[in-house]
Amino acid sequence: MSEDVKDLNMEEFGSEDQMQRVQQRDVNFILDVPLELTVVIGRTKILIQELLQLGQGSVIALEKLAGEPMEVYVNDRLVGRGEVVVVNEKFGIRVTDIISPTERVRSLK
């Protein structure tokens, strides 16, 4: 059985400019999708007994040291780190580090 094989001509699919417009349109399609961004100041583990003893004024020591960067998560995936700032009397985060795509893929495993 003999088949006629031809090289692929990319111009048949449109110009590079057309491809960029299609890609931009595809990106624009998702720009208004809401995501949940969470900043974690620290974590710790406690016993149920300790939890039941908590009251107003109780202090919970966290594992993170003062001055260490906070973790920034988008939809429960670590995407970066930053430092706490105050913006118009509200807490904010100044991003100091973005996780590389390689690290993000590794965290999925």
PDB file of N, CA and C in Angstrom:
ATOM      1  N   MET A   1       0.848  -1.173   0.000  1.00  0.00           N
ATOM      2  CA  MET A   1       0.000   0.000   0.000  1.00  0.00           C
ATOM      3  C   MET A   1       0.889   1.230   0.000  1.00  0.00           C
ATOM      4  N   SER A   2       0.722   2.084  -0.961  1.00  0.00           N
ATOM      5  CA  SER A   2       1.542   3.281  -1.099  1.00  0.00           C
ATOM      6  C   SER A   2       0.672   4.512  -0.848  1.00  0.00           C
ATOM      7  N   GLU A   3       1.199   5.422   0.016  1.00  0.00           N
ATOM      8  CA  GLU A   3       0.462   6.652   0.312  1.00  0.00           C
ATOM      9  C   GLU A   3       1.287   7.835  -0.132  1.00  0.00           C
ATOM     10  N   ASP A   4       0.599   8.855  -0.592  1.00  0.00           N
ATOM     11  CA  ASP A   4       1.257  10.086  -1.014  1.00  0.00           C
ATOM     12  C   ASP A   4       1.438  10.972   0.215  1.00  0.00           C
ATOM     13  N   VAL A   5       2.681  11.168   0.657  1.00  0.00           N
ATOM     14  CA  VAL A   5       2.979  11.966   1.844  1.00  0.00           C
ATOM     15  C   VAL A   5       3.545  13.300   1.401  1.00  0.00           C
ATOM     16  N   LYS A   6       2.986  14.388   1.947  1.00  0.00           N
ATOM     17  CA  LYS A   6       3.446  15.735   1.601  1.00  0.00           C
ATOM     18  C   LYS A   6       3.918  16.441   2.862  1.00  0.00           C
ATOM     19  N   ASP A   7       4.867  17.366   2.688  1.00  0.00           N
ATOM     20  CA  ASP A   7       5.318  18.192   3.797  1.00  0.00           C
ATOM     21  C   ASP A   7       4.192  19.131   4.213  1.00  0.00           C
ATOM     22  N   LEU A   8       4.171  19.467   5.497  1.00  0.00           N
ATOM     23  CA  LEU A   8       3.171  20.371   6.034  1.00  0.00           C
ATOM     24  C   LEU A   8       3.582  21.802   5.731  1.00  0.00           C
ATOM     25  N   ASN A   9       2.692  22.551   5.146  1.00  0.00           N
ATOM     26  CA  ASN A   9       2.939  23.957   4.847  1.00  0.00           C
ATOM     27  C   ASN A   9       2.182  24.785   5.881  1.00  0.00           C
ATOM     28  N   MET A  10       2.920  25.418   6.806  1.00  0.00           N
ATOM     29  CA  MET A  10       2.293  26.169   7.887  1.00  0.00           C
ATOM     30  C   MET A  10       1.482  27.354   7.376  1.00  0.00           C
ATOM     31  N   GLU A  11       1.802  27.860   6.189  1.00  0.00           N
ATOM     32  CA  GLU A  11       1.057  28.992   5.654  1.00  0.00           C
ATOM     33  C   GLU A  11      -0.391  28.623   5.387  1.00  0.00           C
ATOM     34  N   GLU A  12      -0.661  27.327   5.208  1.00  0.00           N
ATOM     35  CA  GLU A  12      -2.034  26.885   5.003  1.00  0.00           C
ATOM     36  C   GLU A  12      -2.900  27.183   6.221  1.00  0.00           C
ATOM     37  N   PHE A  13      -2.289  27.283   7.389  1.00  0.00           N
ATOM     38  CA  PHE A  13      -3.036  27.524   8.619  1.00  0.00           C
ATOM     39  C   PHE A  13      -3.201  29.010   8.919  1.00  0.00           C
ATOM     40  N   GLY A  14      -2.677  29.877   8.098  1.00  0.00           N
ATOM     41  CA  GLY A  14      -2.794  31.309   8.320  1.00  0.00           C
ATOM     42  C   GLY A  14      -1.465  31.916   8.689  1.00  0.00           C
ATOM     43  N   SER A  15      -1.446  33.227   8.642  1.00  0.00           N
ATOM     44  CA  SER A  15      -0.209  33.945   8.937  1.00  0.00           C
ATOM     45  C   SER A  15       0.075  33.919  10.436  1.00  0.00           C
ATOM     46  N   GLU A  16       1.306  34.259  10.767  1.00  0.00           N
ATOM     47  CA  GLU A  16       1.695  34.319  12.174  1.00  0.00           C
ATOM     48  C   GLU A  16       0.864  35.373  12.892  1.00  0.00           C
ATOM     49  N   ASP A  17       0.558  36.473  12.204  1.00  0.00           N
ATOM     50  CA  ASP A  17      -0.260  37.536  12.784  1.00  0.00           C
ATOM     51  C   ASP A  17      -1.649  37.005  13.140  1.00  0.00           C
ATOM     52  N   GLN A  18      -2.222  36.195  12.258  1.00  0.00           N
ATOM     53  CA  GLN A  18      -3.532  35.602  12.533  1.00  0.00           C
ATOM     54  C   GLN A  18      -3.460  34.684  13.748  1.00  0.00           C
ATOM     55  N   MET A  19      -2.403  33.914  13.835  1.00  0.00           N
ATOM     56  CA  MET A  19      -2.236  33.000  14.971  1.00  0.00           C
ATOM     57  C   MET A  19      -2.144  33.789  16.281  1.00  0.00           C
ATOM     58  N   GLN A  20      -1.405  34.912  16.272  1.00  0.00           N
ATOM     59  CA  GLN A  20      -1.278  35.725  17.478  1.00  0.00           C
ATOM     60  C   GLN A  20      -2.627  36.309  17.882  1.00  0.00           C
ATOM     61  N   ARG A  21      -3.426  36.741  16.903  1.00  0.00           N
ATOM     62  CA  ARG A  21      -4.756  37.278  17.212  1.00  0.00           C
ATOM     63  C   ARG A  21      -5.648  36.196  17.817  1.00  0.00           C
ATOM     64  N   VAL A  22      -5.564  34.999  17.282  1.00  0.00           N
ATOM     65  CA  VAL A  22      -6.355  33.887  17.818  1.00  0.00           C
ATOM     66  C   VAL A  22      -5.915  33.582  19.243  1.00  0.00           C
ATOM     67  N   GLN A  23      -4.588  33.543  19.478  1.00  0.00           N
ATOM     68  CA  GLN A  23      -4.084  33.267  20.817  1.00  0.00           C
ATOM     69  C   GLN A  23      -4.517  34.360  21.785  1.00  0.00           C
ATOM     70  N   GLN A  24      -4.456  35.628  21.367  1.00  0.00           N
ATOM     71  CA  GLN A  24      -4.872  36.730  22.231  1.00  0.00           C
ATOM     72  C   GLN A  24      -6.360  36.616  22.549  1.00  0.00           C
ATOM     73  N   ARG A  25      -7.168  36.277  21.551  1.00  0.00           N
ATOM     74  CA  ARG A  25      -8.599  36.099  21.779  1.00  0.00           C
ATOM     75  C   ARG A  25      -8.836  34.971  22.775  1.00  0.00           C
ATOM     76  N   ASP A  26      -8.088  33.888  22.637  1.00  0.00           N
ATOM     77  CA  ASP A  26      -8.231  32.765  23.556  1.00  0.00           C
ATOM     78  C   ASP A  26      -7.869  33.171  24.982  1.00  0.00           C
ATOM     79  N   VAL A  27      -6.822  33.979  25.139  1.00  0.00           N
ATOM     80  CA  VAL A  27      -6.436  34.456  26.467  1.00  0.00           C
ATOM     81  C   VAL A  27      -7.515  35.388  27.007  1.00  0.00           C
ATOM     82  N   ASN A  28      -8.027  36.289  26.178  1.00  0.00           N
ATOM     83  CA  ASN A  28      -9.068  37.213  26.617  1.00  0.00           C
ATOM     84  C   ASN A  28     -10.305  36.475  27.110  1.00  0.00           C
ATOM     85  N   PHE A  29     -10.551  35.317  26.568  1.00  0.00           N
ATOM     86  CA  PHE A  29     -11.711  34.517  26.932  1.00  0.00           C
ATOM     87  C   PHE A  29     -11.689  34.127  28.412  1.00  0.00           C
ATOM     88  N   ILE A  30     -10.502  33.960  28.991  1.00  0.00           N
ATOM     89  CA  ILE A  30     -10.403  33.496  30.379  1.00  0.00           C
ATOM     90  C   ILE A  30     -10.039  34.598  31.369  1.00  0.00           C
ATOM     91  N   LEU A  31      -9.823  35.822  30.906  1.00  0.00           N
ATOM     92  CA  LEU A  31      -9.341  36.877  31.792  1.00  0.00           C
ATOM     93  C   LEU A  31     -10.307  37.226  32.918  1.00  0.00           C
ATOM     94  N   ASP A  32     -11.592  36.992  32.752  1.00  0.00           N
ATOM     95  CA  ASP A  32     -12.550  37.336  33.803  1.00  0.00           C
ATOM     96  C   ASP A  32     -12.976  36.136  34.651  1.00  0.00           C
ATOM     97  N   VAL A  33     -12.211  35.053  34.593  1.00  0.00           N
ATOM     98  CA  VAL A  33     -12.494  33.885  35.433  1.00  0.00           C
ATOM     99  C   VAL A  33     -12.007  34.190  36.853  1.00  0.00           C
ATOM    100  N   PRO A  34     -12.899  34.103  37.858  1.00  0.00           N
ATOM    101  CA  PRO A  34     -12.479  34.416  39.227  1.00  0.00           C
ATOM    102  C   PRO A  34     -11.585  33.318  39.814  1.00  0.00           C
ATOM    103  N   LEU A  35     -10.568  33.745  40.553  1.00  0.00           N
ATOM    104  CA  LEU A  35      -9.651  32.839  41.241  1.00  0.00           C
ATOM    105  C   LEU A  35      -9.606  33.231  42.709  1.00  0.00           C
ATOM    106  N   GLU A  36      -9.293  32.293  43.566  1.00  0.00           N
ATOM    107  CA  GLU A  36      -9.143  32.588  44.982  1.00  0.00           C
ATOM    108  C   GLU A  36      -7.664  32.704  45.317  1.00  0.00           C
ATOM    109  N   LEU A  37      -7.260  33.883  45.793  1.00  0.00           N
ATOM    110  CA  LEU A  37      -5.880  34.122  46.199  1.00  0.00           C
ATOM    111  C   LEU A  37      -5.833  34.098  47.723  1.00  0.00           C
ATOM    112  N   THR A  38      -4.914  33.319  48.273  1.00  0.00           N
ATOM    113  CA  THR A  38      -4.769  33.170  49.716  1.00  0.00           C
ATOM    114  C   THR A  38      -3.326  33.454  50.094  1.00  0.00           C
ATOM    115  N   VAL A  39      -3.141  34.200  51.184  1.00  0.00           N
ATOM    116  CA  VAL A  39      -1.804  34.450  51.716  1.00  0.00           C
ATOM    117  C   VAL A  39      -1.723  33.767  53.076  1.00  0.00           C
ATOM    118  N   VAL A  40      -0.732  32.907  53.240  1.00  0.00           N
ATOM    119  CA  VAL A  40      -0.578  32.135  54.479  1.00  0.00           C
ATOM    120  C   VAL A  40       0.534  32.757  55.310  1.00  0.00           C
ATOM    121  N   ILE A  41       0.178  33.168  56.537  1.00  0.00           N
ATOM    122  CA  ILE A  41       1.198  33.766  57.402  1.00  0.00           C
ATOM    123  C   ILE A  41       1.963  32.714  58.187  1.00  0.00           C
ATOM    124  N   GLY A  42       1.414  31.529  58.316  1.00  0.00           N
ATOM    125  CA  GLY A  42       2.110  30.463  59.019  1.00  0.00           C
ATOM    126  C   GLY A  42       1.176  29.314  59.336  1.00  0.00           C
ATOM    127  N   ARG A  43       1.758  28.250  59.840  1.00  0.00           N
ATOM    128  CA  ARG A  43       0.993  27.045  60.191  1.00  0.00           C
ATOM    129  C   ARG A  43       1.549  26.475  61.493  1.00  0.00           C
ATOM    130  N   THR A  44       0.736  25.667  62.117  1.00  0.00           N
ATOM    131  CA  THR A  44       1.180  24.906  63.277  1.00  0.00           C
ATOM    132  C   THR A  44       0.224  23.736  63.473  1.00  0.00           C
ATOM    133  N   LYS A  45       0.613  22.794  64.278  1.00  0.00           N
ATOM    134  CA  LYS A  45      -0.262  21.669  64.616  1.00  0.00           C
ATOM    135  C   LYS A  45      -0.548  21.739  66.104  1.00  0.00           C
ATOM    136  N   ILE A  46      -1.807  21.496  66.453  1.00  0.00           N
ATOM    137  CA  ILE A  46      -2.180  21.472  67.865  1.00  0.00           C
ATOM    138  C   ILE A  46      -3.068  20.255  68.113  1.00  0.00           C
ATOM    139  N   LEU A  47      -3.145  19.880  69.362  1.00  0.00           N
ATOM    140  CA  LEU A  47      -4.012  18.782  69.779  1.00  0.00           C
ATOM    141  C   LEU A  47      -5.439  19.294  69.955  1.00  0.00           C
ATOM    142  N   ILE A  48      -6.402  18.397  69.869  1.00  0.00           N
ATOM    143  CA  ILE A  48      -7.797  18.778  70.093  1.00  0.00           C
ATOM    144  C   ILE A  48      -7.953  19.404  71.480  1.00  0.00           C
ATOM    145  N   GLN A  49      -7.256  18.852  72.462  1.00  0.00           N
ATOM    146  CA  GLN A  49      -7.320  19.393  73.823  1.00  0.00           C
ATOM    147  C   GLN A  49      -6.881  20.860  73.835  1.00  0.00           C
ATOM    148  N   GLU A  50      -5.794  21.174  73.115  1.00  0.00           N
ATOM    149  CA  GLU A  50      -5.314  22.556  73.054  1.00  0.00           C
ATOM    150  C   GLU A  50      -6.322  23.453  72.337  1.00  0.00           C
ATOM    151  N   LEU A  51      -6.942  22.933  71.285  1.00  0.00           N
ATOM    152  CA  LEU A  51      -7.954  23.686  70.554  1.00  0.00           C
ATOM    153  C   LEU A  51      -9.123  24.047  71.462  1.00  0.00           C
ATOM    154  N   LEU A  52      -9.556  23.081  72.262  1.00  0.00           N
ATOM    155  CA  LEU A  52     -10.688  23.312  73.159  1.00  0.00           C
ATOM    156  C   LEU A  52     -10.359  24.306  74.269  1.00  0.00           C
ATOM    157  N   GLN A  53      -9.084  24.476  74.576  1.00  0.00           N
ATOM    158  CA  GLN A  53      -8.676  25.399  75.633  1.00  0.00           C
ATOM    159  C   GLN A  53      -8.465  26.824  75.120  1.00  0.00           C
ATOM    160  N   LEU A  54      -8.542  27.017  73.809  1.00  0.00           N
ATOM    161  CA  LEU A  54      -8.348  28.360  73.263  1.00  0.00           C
ATOM    162  C   LEU A  54      -9.482  29.279  73.688  1.00  0.00           C
ATOM    163  N   GLY A  55      -9.129  30.488  73.964  1.00  0.00           N
ATOM    164  CA  GLY A  55     -10.120  31.496  74.321  1.00  0.00           C
ATOM    165  C   GLY A  55      -9.649  32.849  73.834  1.00  0.00           C
ATOM    166  N   GLN A  56     -10.482  33.853  74.053  1.00  0.00           N
ATOM    167  CA  GLN A  56     -10.107  35.204  73.641  1.00  0.00           C
ATOM    168  C   GLN A  56      -8.811  35.592  74.340  1.00  0.00           C
ATOM    169  N   GLY A  57      -7.852  36.072  73.573  1.00  0.00           N
ATOM    170  CA  GLY A  57      -6.554  36.458  74.107  1.00  0.00           C
ATOM    171  C   GLY A  57      -5.505  35.360  74.023  1.00  0.00           C
ATOM    172  N   SER A  58      -5.910  34.143  73.666  1.00  0.00           N
ATOM    173  CA  SER A  58      -4.938  33.053  73.508  1.00  0.00           C
ATOM    174  C   SER A  58      -3.971  33.398  72.381  1.00  0.00           C
ATOM    175  N   VAL A  59      -2.735  32.977  72.534  1.00  0.00           N
ATOM    176  CA  VAL A  59      -1.713  33.201  71.513  1.00  0.00           C
ATOM    177  C   VAL A  59      -1.315  31.846  70.936  1.00  0.00           C
ATOM    178  N   ILE A  60      -1.314  31.759  69.624  1.00  0.00           N
ATOM    179  CA  ILE A  60      -0.928  30.525  68.937  1.00  0.00           C
ATOM    180  C   ILE A  60       0.397  30.786  68.236  1.00  0.00           C
ATOM    181  N   ALA A  61       1.438  30.063  68.628  1.00  0.00           N
ATOM    182  CA  ALA A  61       2.752  30.217  67.998  1.00  0.00           C
ATOM    183  C   ALA A  61       2.762  29.455  66.676  1.00  0.00           C
ATOM    184  N   LEU A  62       3.240  30.109  65.632  1.00  0.00           N
ATOM    185  CA  LEU A  62       3.313  29.500  64.309  1.00  0.00           C
ATOM    186  C   LEU A  62       4.735  29.050  64.021  1.00  0.00           C
ATOM    187  N   GLU A  63       4.886  28.141  63.064  1.00  0.00           N
ATOM    188  CA  GLU A  63       6.205  27.607  62.721  1.00  0.00           C
ATOM    189  C   GLU A  63       7.067  28.614  61.966  1.00  0.00           C
ATOM    190  N   LYS A  64       6.456  29.552  61.274  1.00  0.00           N
ATOM    191  CA  LYS A  64       7.201  30.525  60.470  1.00  0.00           C
ATOM    192  C   LYS A  64       7.833  31.578  61.382  1.00  0.00           C
ATOM    193  N   LEU A  65       9.070  31.931  61.100  1.00  0.00           N
ATOM    194  CA  LEU A  65       9.771  32.945  61.873  1.00  0.00           C
ATOM    195  C   LEU A  65       9.324  34.340  61.443  1.00  0.00           C
ATOM    196  N   ALA A  66       9.363  35.284  62.377  1.00  0.00           N
ATOM    197  CA  ALA A  66       9.031  36.673  62.054  1.00  0.00           C
ATOM    198  C   ALA A  66       9.986  37.164  60.971  1.00  0.00           C
ATOM    199  N   GLY A  67       9.456  37.841  59.976  1.00  0.00           N
ATOM    200  CA  GLY A  67      10.279  38.365  58.890  1.00  0.00           C
ATOM    201  C   GLY A  67      10.394  37.439  57.694  1.00  0.00           C
ATOM    202  N   GLU A  68      10.015  36.170  57.856  1.00  0.00           N
ATOM    203  CA  GLU A  68      10.045  35.249  56.713  1.00  0.00           C
ATOM    204  C   GLU A  68       8.940  35.629  55.733  1.00  0.00           C
ATOM    205  N   PRO A  69       9.159  35.389  54.434  1.00  0.00           N
ATOM    206  CA  PRO A  69       8.117  35.720  53.458  1.00  0.00           C
ATOM    207  C   PRO A  69       6.865  34.861  53.639  1.00  0.00           C
ATOM    208  N   MET A  70       5.731  35.468  53.327  1.00  0.00           N
ATOM    209  CA  MET A  70       4.450  34.766  53.373  1.00  0.00           C
ATOM    210  C   MET A  70       4.259  33.999  52.069  1.00  0.00           C
ATOM    211  N   GLU A  71       3.513  32.915  52.118  1.00  0.00           N
ATOM    212  CA  GLU A  71       3.252  32.115  50.918  1.00  0.00           C
ATOM    213  C   GLU A  71       1.979  32.625  50.244  1.00  0.00           C
ATOM    214  N   VAL A  72       2.029  32.746  48.907  1.00  0.00           N
ATOM    215  CA  VAL A  72       0.881  33.204  48.122  1.00  0.00           C
ATOM    216  C   VAL A  72       0.370  32.025  47.303  1.00  0.00           C
ATOM    217  N   TYR A  73      -0.902  31.696  47.485  1.00  0.00           N
ATOM    218  CA  TYR A  73      -1.535  30.581  46.783  1.00  0.00           C
ATOM    219  C   TYR A  73      -2.654  31.108  45.889  1.00  0.00           C
ATOM    220  N   VAL A  74      -2.796  30.513  44.714  1.00  0.00           N
ATOM    221  CA  VAL A  74      -3.952  30.761  43.856  1.00  0.00           C
ATOM    222  C   VAL A  74      -4.642  29.420  43.665  1.00  0.00           C
ATOM    223  N   ASN A  75      -5.901  29.374  44.082  1.00  0.00           N
ATOM    224  CA  ASN A  75      -6.667  28.123  44.042  1.00  0.00           C
ATOM    225  C   ASN A  75      -5.890  26.962  44.666  1.00  0.00           C
ATOM    226  N   ASP A  76      -5.334  27.217  45.842  1.00  0.00           N
ATOM    227  CA  ASP A  76      -4.610  26.211  46.636  1.00  0.00           C
ATOM    228  C   ASP A  76      -3.299  25.744  46.011  1.00  0.00           C
ATOM    229  N   ARG A  77      -2.777  26.471  45.046  1.00  0.00           N
ATOM    230  CA  ARG A  77      -1.480  26.143  44.433  1.00  0.00           C
ATOM    231  C   ARG A  77      -0.498  27.271  44.747  1.00  0.00           C
ATOM    232  N   LEU A  78       0.663  26.918  45.299  1.00  0.00           N
ATOM    233  CA  LEU A  78       1.681  27.909  45.617  1.00  0.00           C
ATOM    234  C   LEU A  78       2.172  28.569  44.336  1.00  0.00           C
ATOM    235  N   VAL A  79       2.074  29.909  44.273  1.00  0.00           N
ATOM    236  CA  VAL A  79       2.529  30.634  43.085  1.00  0.00           C
ATOM    237  C   VAL A  79       3.621  31.648  43.399  1.00  0.00           C
ATOM    238  N   GLY A  80       3.799  31.978  44.682  1.00  0.00           N
ATOM    239  CA  GLY A  80       4.822  32.960  45.004  1.00  0.00           C
ATOM    240  C   GLY A  80       4.938  33.190  46.498  1.00  0.00           C
ATOM    241  N   ARG A  81       5.771  34.180  46.822  1.00  0.00           N
ATOM    242  CA  ARG A  81       5.979  34.583  48.216  1.00  0.00           C
ATOM    243  C   ARG A  81       6.036  36.098  48.264  1.00  0.00           C
ATOM    244  N   GLY A  82       5.771  36.640  49.434  1.00  0.00           N
ATOM    245  CA  GLY A  82       5.797  38.087  49.542  1.00  0.00           C
ATOM    246  C   GLY A  82       5.876  38.546  50.982  1.00  0.00           C
ATOM    247  N   GLU A  83       5.871  39.875  51.136  1.00  0.00           N
ATOM    248  CA  GLU A  83       5.949  40.462  52.464  1.00  0.00           C
ATOM    249  C   GLU A  83       4.689  41.271  52.733  1.00  0.00           C
ATOM    250  N   VAL A  84       4.308  41.313  54.005  1.00  0.00           N
ATOM    251  CA  VAL A  84       3.090  42.005  54.401  1.00  0.00           C
ATOM    252  C   VAL A  84       3.307  43.513  54.324  1.00  0.00           C
ATOM    253  N   VAL A  85       2.315  44.207  53.765  1.00  0.00           N
ATOM    254  CA  VAL A  85       2.309  45.667  53.708  1.00  0.00           C
ATOM    255  C   VAL A  85       0.927  46.141  54.150  1.00  0.00           C
ATOM    256  N   VAL A  86       0.803  47.444  54.401  1.00  0.00           N
ATOM    257  CA  VAL A  86      -0.488  48.040  54.719  1.00  0.00           C
ATOM    258  C   VAL A  86      -0.857  48.963  53.574  1.00  0.00           C
ATOM    259  N   VAL A  87      -2.072  48.773  53.018  1.00  0.00           N
ATOM    260  CA  VAL A  87      -2.562  49.573  51.902  1.00  0.00           C
ATOM    261  C   VAL A  87      -3.910  50.153  52.313  1.00  0.00           C
ATOM    262  N   ASN A  88      -3.963  51.488  52.464  1.00  0.00           N
ATOM    263  CA  ASN A  88      -5.217  52.145  52.870  1.00  0.00           C
ATOM    264  C   ASN A  88      -5.829  51.481  54.102  1.00  0.00           C
ATOM    265  N   GLU A  89      -5.010  51.276  55.113  1.00  0.00           N
ATOM    266  CA  GLU A  89      -5.412  50.699  56.394  1.00  0.00           C
ATOM    267  C   GLU A  89      -5.855  49.235  56.306  1.00  0.00           C
ATOM    268  N   LYS A  90      -5.532  48.567  55.212  1.00  0.00           N
ATOM    269  CA  LYS A  90      -5.821  47.140  55.062  1.00  0.00           C
ATOM    270  C   LYS A  90      -4.514  46.405  54.817  1.00  0.00           C
ATOM    271  N   PHE A  91      -4.471  45.143  55.231  1.00  0.00           N
ATOM    272  CA  PHE A  91      -3.294  44.335  54.947  1.00  0.00           C
ATOM    273  C   PHE A  91      -3.199  44.060  53.455  1.00  0.00           C
ATOM    274  N   GLY A  92      -1.981  43.966  52.972  1.00  0.00           N
ATOM    275  CA  GLY A  92      -1.723  43.608  51.586  1.00  0.00           C
ATOM    276  C   GLY A  92      -0.471  42.755  51.533  1.00  0.00           C
ATOM    277  N   ILE A  93      -0.089  42.375  50.337  1.00  0.00           N
ATOM    278  CA  ILE A  93       1.121  41.566  50.161  1.00  0.00           C
ATOM    279  C   ILE A  93       1.913  42.132  48.996  1.00  0.00           C
ATOM    280  N   ARG A  94       3.190  42.368  49.218  1.00  0.00           N
ATOM    281  CA  ARG A  94       4.090  42.782  48.138  1.00  0.00           C
ATOM    282  C   ARG A  94       4.792  41.519  47.660  1.00  0.00           C
ATOM    283  N   VAL A  95       4.550  41.144  46.421  1.00  0.00           N
ATOM    284  CA  VAL A  95       5.122  39.914  45.877  1.00  0.00           C
ATOM    285  C   VAL A  95       6.627  40.105  45.707  1.00  0.00           C
ATOM    286  N   THR A  96       7.391  39.204  46.305  1.00  0.00           N
ATOM    287  CA  THR A  96       8.850  39.280  46.222  1.00  0.00           C
ATOM    288  C   THR A  96       9.446  38.145  45.403  1.00  0.00           C
ATOM    289  N   ASP A  97       8.641  37.095  45.174  1.00  0.00           N
ATOM    290  CA  ASP A  97       9.157  35.932  44.457  1.00  0.00           C
ATOM    291  C   ASP A  97       7.998  35.214  43.782  1.00  0.00           C
ATOM    292  N   ILE A  98       8.150  34.892  42.512  1.00  0.00           N
ATOM    293  CA  ILE A  98       7.172  34.095  41.778  1.00  0.00           C
ATOM    294  C   ILE A  98       7.778  32.715  41.556  1.00  0.00           C
ATOM    295  N   ILE A  99       7.006  31.687  41.845  1.00  0.00           N
ATOM    296  CA  ILE A  99       7.473  30.310  41.675  1.00  0.00           C
ATOM    297  C   ILE A  99       7.651  30.030  40.183  1.00  0.00           C
ATOM    298  N   SER A 100       8.769  29.436  39.817  1.00  0.00           N
ATOM    299  CA  SER A 100       9.037  29.136  38.408  1.00  0.00           C
ATOM    300  C   SER A 100       8.056  28.082  37.903  1.00  0.00           C
ATOM    301  N   PRO A 101       7.778  28.076  36.605  1.00  0.00           N
ATOM    302  CA  PRO A 101       6.884  27.052  36.050  1.00  0.00           C
ATOM    303  C   PRO A 101       7.347  25.632  36.375  1.00  0.00           C
ATOM    304  N   THR A 102       8.654  25.410  36.404  1.00  0.00           N
ATOM    305  CA  THR A 102       9.182  24.083  36.729  1.00  0.00           C
ATOM    306  C   THR A 102       8.792  23.682  38.149  1.00  0.00           C
ATOM    307  N   GLU A 103       8.947  24.618  39.099  1.00  0.00           N
ATOM    308  CA  GLU A 103       8.582  24.330  40.485  1.00  0.00           C
ATOM    309  C   GLU A 103       7.082  24.088  40.616  1.00  0.00           C
ATOM    310  N   ARG A 104       6.269  24.859  39.863  1.00  0.00           N
ATOM    311  CA  ARG A 104       4.816  24.679  39.921  1.00  0.00           C
ATOM    312  C   ARG A 104       4.421  23.299  39.430  1.00  0.00           C
ATOM    313  N   VAL A 105       5.051  22.833  38.355  1.00  0.00           N
ATOM    314  CA  VAL A 105       4.751  21.499  37.828  1.00  0.00           C
ATOM    315  C   VAL A 105       5.160  20.445  38.844  1.00  0.00           C
ATOM    316  N   ARG A 106       6.326  20.632  39.470  1.00  0.00           N
ATOM    317  CA  ARG A 106       6.799  19.682  40.478  1.00  0.00           C
ATOM    318  C   ARG A 106       5.828  19.586  41.654  1.00  0.00           C
ATOM    319  N   SER A 107       5.207  20.713  42.021  1.00  0.00           N
ATOM    320  CA  SER A 107       4.290  20.708  43.162  1.00  0.00           C
ATOM    321  C   SER A 107       2.991  19.973  42.862  1.00  0.00           C
ATOM    322  N   LEU A 108       2.698  19.721  41.600  1.00  0.00           N
ATOM    323  CA  LEU A 108       1.477  19.006  41.229  1.00  0.00           C
ATOM    324  C   LEU A 108       1.569  17.518  41.509  1.00  0.00           C
ATOM    325  N   LYS A 109       2.781  17.007  41.644  1.00  0.00           N
ATOM    326  CA  LYS A 109       2.978  15.561  41.825  1.00  0.00           C
ATOM    327  C   LYS A 109       2.672  15.137  43.231  1.00  0.00           C
TER     328      LYS A 109
END
